[in-house]
Amino acid sequence: MTTDDFREHGMALIDRLLTQGFARPITFAAIASDGLTTAGSSETITGTVLSGVKTTAPPGAFARYLLPIHFLFVDVQGRVAHGVIGPAGTASVDILP
């Protein structure tokens, strides 16, 4: 998954949370299946290329994240959600109690 794909999926998951009552800013931590981690917020995921990524793809490829990627989201009200970008590239999010 490229950084652009990651950003697109991350924004879509945040949009879903906003429609379910979460409030900005929403912070997140993400971990890919190879242990690569990154963090950010609903305010920083738009328009910025995430740094600190490593590539496990062949030289010249743009893939940066190995699927699945798990997210932990927390909003300003303390609400929490778990998101996943699965092996097929589909994304889901569940609000935690």
Protein backbone atom coordinates (compact mmCIF):
# COMPACT_ATOMS: atom_id res chain seq x y z
CA MET A 1 0.00 0.00 0.00
CA THR A 2 1.36 3.41 -0.91
CA THR A 3 1.35 6.45 1.39
CA ASP A 4 -1.38 7.97 -0.83
CA ASP A 5 -3.51 4.82 -0.40
CA PHE A 6 -2.88 4.91 3.35
CA ARG A 7 -3.95 8.55 3.51
CA GLU A 8 -7.09 7.87 1.44
CA HIS A 9 -8.16 4.92 3.61
CA GLY A 10 -7.31 6.77 6.80
CA MET A 11 -9.41 9.77 5.79
CA ALA A 12 -12.31 7.47 4.85
CA LEU A 13 -12.17 5.78 8.27
CA ILE A 14 -12.09 9.17 10.02
CA ASP A 15 -15.05 10.35 7.92
CA ARG A 16 -17.00 7.26 9.02
CA LEU A 17 -16.22 8.05 12.66
CA LEU A 18 -17.34 11.66 12.22
CA THR A 19 -20.71 10.45 10.89
CA GLN A 20 -21.02 8.25 14.00
CA GLY A 21 -20.61 11.10 16.48
CA PHE A 22 -16.84 11.36 16.89
CA ALA A 23 -15.49 14.92 17.15
CA ARG A 24 -12.34 16.49 15.74
CA PRO A 25 -9.51 16.23 16.38
CA ILE A 26 -9.36 12.46 16.10
CA THR A 27 -5.90 11.06 16.83
CA PHE A 28 -4.73 7.67 15.63
CA ALA A 29 -1.94 5.16 15.92
CA ALA A 30 -1.47 2.60 13.15
CA ILE A 31 0.57 -0.59 12.96
CA ALA A 32 1.17 -2.61 9.81
CA SER A 33 1.60 -6.36 9.74
CA ASP A 34 5.40 -6.00 9.60
CA GLY A 35 5.44 -3.84 12.74
CA LEU A 36 5.77 -0.48 10.99
CA THR A 37 4.00 2.14 13.11
CA THR A 38 2.82 5.67 12.48
CA ALA A 39 0.61 8.17 14.27
CA GLY A 40 -1.27 11.31 13.36
CA SER A 41 -4.59 13.04 13.57
CA SER A 42 -7.59 14.03 11.52
CA GLU A 43 -5.87 17.40 11.18
CA THR A 44 -2.55 16.06 9.85
CA ILE A 45 -3.53 13.11 7.65
CA THR A 46 -4.90 15.41 4.95
CA GLY A 47 -2.37 16.88 2.57
CA THR A 48 0.81 15.57 4.18
CA VAL A 49 2.97 12.63 3.24
CA LEU A 50 3.52 10.49 6.29
CA SER A 51 7.18 10.19 7.17
CA GLY A 52 9.14 7.41 8.75
CA VAL A 53 7.88 4.69 6.45
CA LYS A 54 10.08 1.85 5.33
CA THR A 55 9.70 -0.08 2.14
CA THR A 56 9.67 -3.85 1.98
CA ALA A 57 8.77 -3.83 -1.69
CA PRO A 58 11.29 -4.37 -4.47
CA PRO A 59 13.46 -1.35 -5.37
CA GLY A 60 11.52 1.19 -7.39
CA ALA A 61 8.11 0.08 -6.09
CA PHE A 62 5.90 2.51 -4.24
CA ALA A 63 4.42 0.07 -1.73
CA ARG A 64 5.24 1.20 1.80
CA TYR A 65 2.81 -0.51 4.17
CA LEU A 66 2.17 -4.25 4.44
CA LEU A 67 -1.46 -5.20 4.94
CA PRO A 68 -3.33 -5.64 7.18
CA ILE A 69 -2.96 -2.34 9.01
CA HIS A 70 -4.67 -1.84 12.38
CA PHE A 71 -5.69 1.60 13.70
CA LEU A 72 -6.61 2.84 17.14
CA PHE A 73 -8.63 6.09 16.98
CA VAL A 74 -9.36 8.41 19.93
CA ASP A 75 -11.37 11.60 19.68
CA VAL A 76 -11.35 14.72 21.85
CA GLN A 77 -14.31 13.34 23.87
CA GLY A 78 -12.39 10.14 24.73
CA ARG A 79 -14.36 7.89 22.36
CA VAL A 80 -12.29 5.01 20.94
CA ALA A 81 -12.49 2.94 17.75
CA HIS A 82 -10.54 0.14 16.09
CA GLY A 83 -10.04 0.23 12.34
CA VAL A 84 -8.50 -2.23 9.89
CA ILE A 85 -7.35 -2.06 6.31
CA GLY A 86 -7.53 -5.74 5.45
CA PRO A 87 -5.36 -7.87 3.16
CA ALA A 88 -7.67 -7.16 0.19
CA GLY A 89 -7.46 -3.39 0.82
CA THR A 90 -10.96 -3.10 2.26
CA ALA A 91 -11.38 -0.95 5.35
CA SER A 92 -13.64 -1.30 8.38
CA VAL A 93 -14.04 0.48 11.70
CA ASP A 94 -15.72 -0.53 14.97
CA ILE A 95 -16.49 1.77 17.88
CA LEU A 96 -15.25 0.32 21.17
CA PRO A 97 -17.24 0.58 24.41
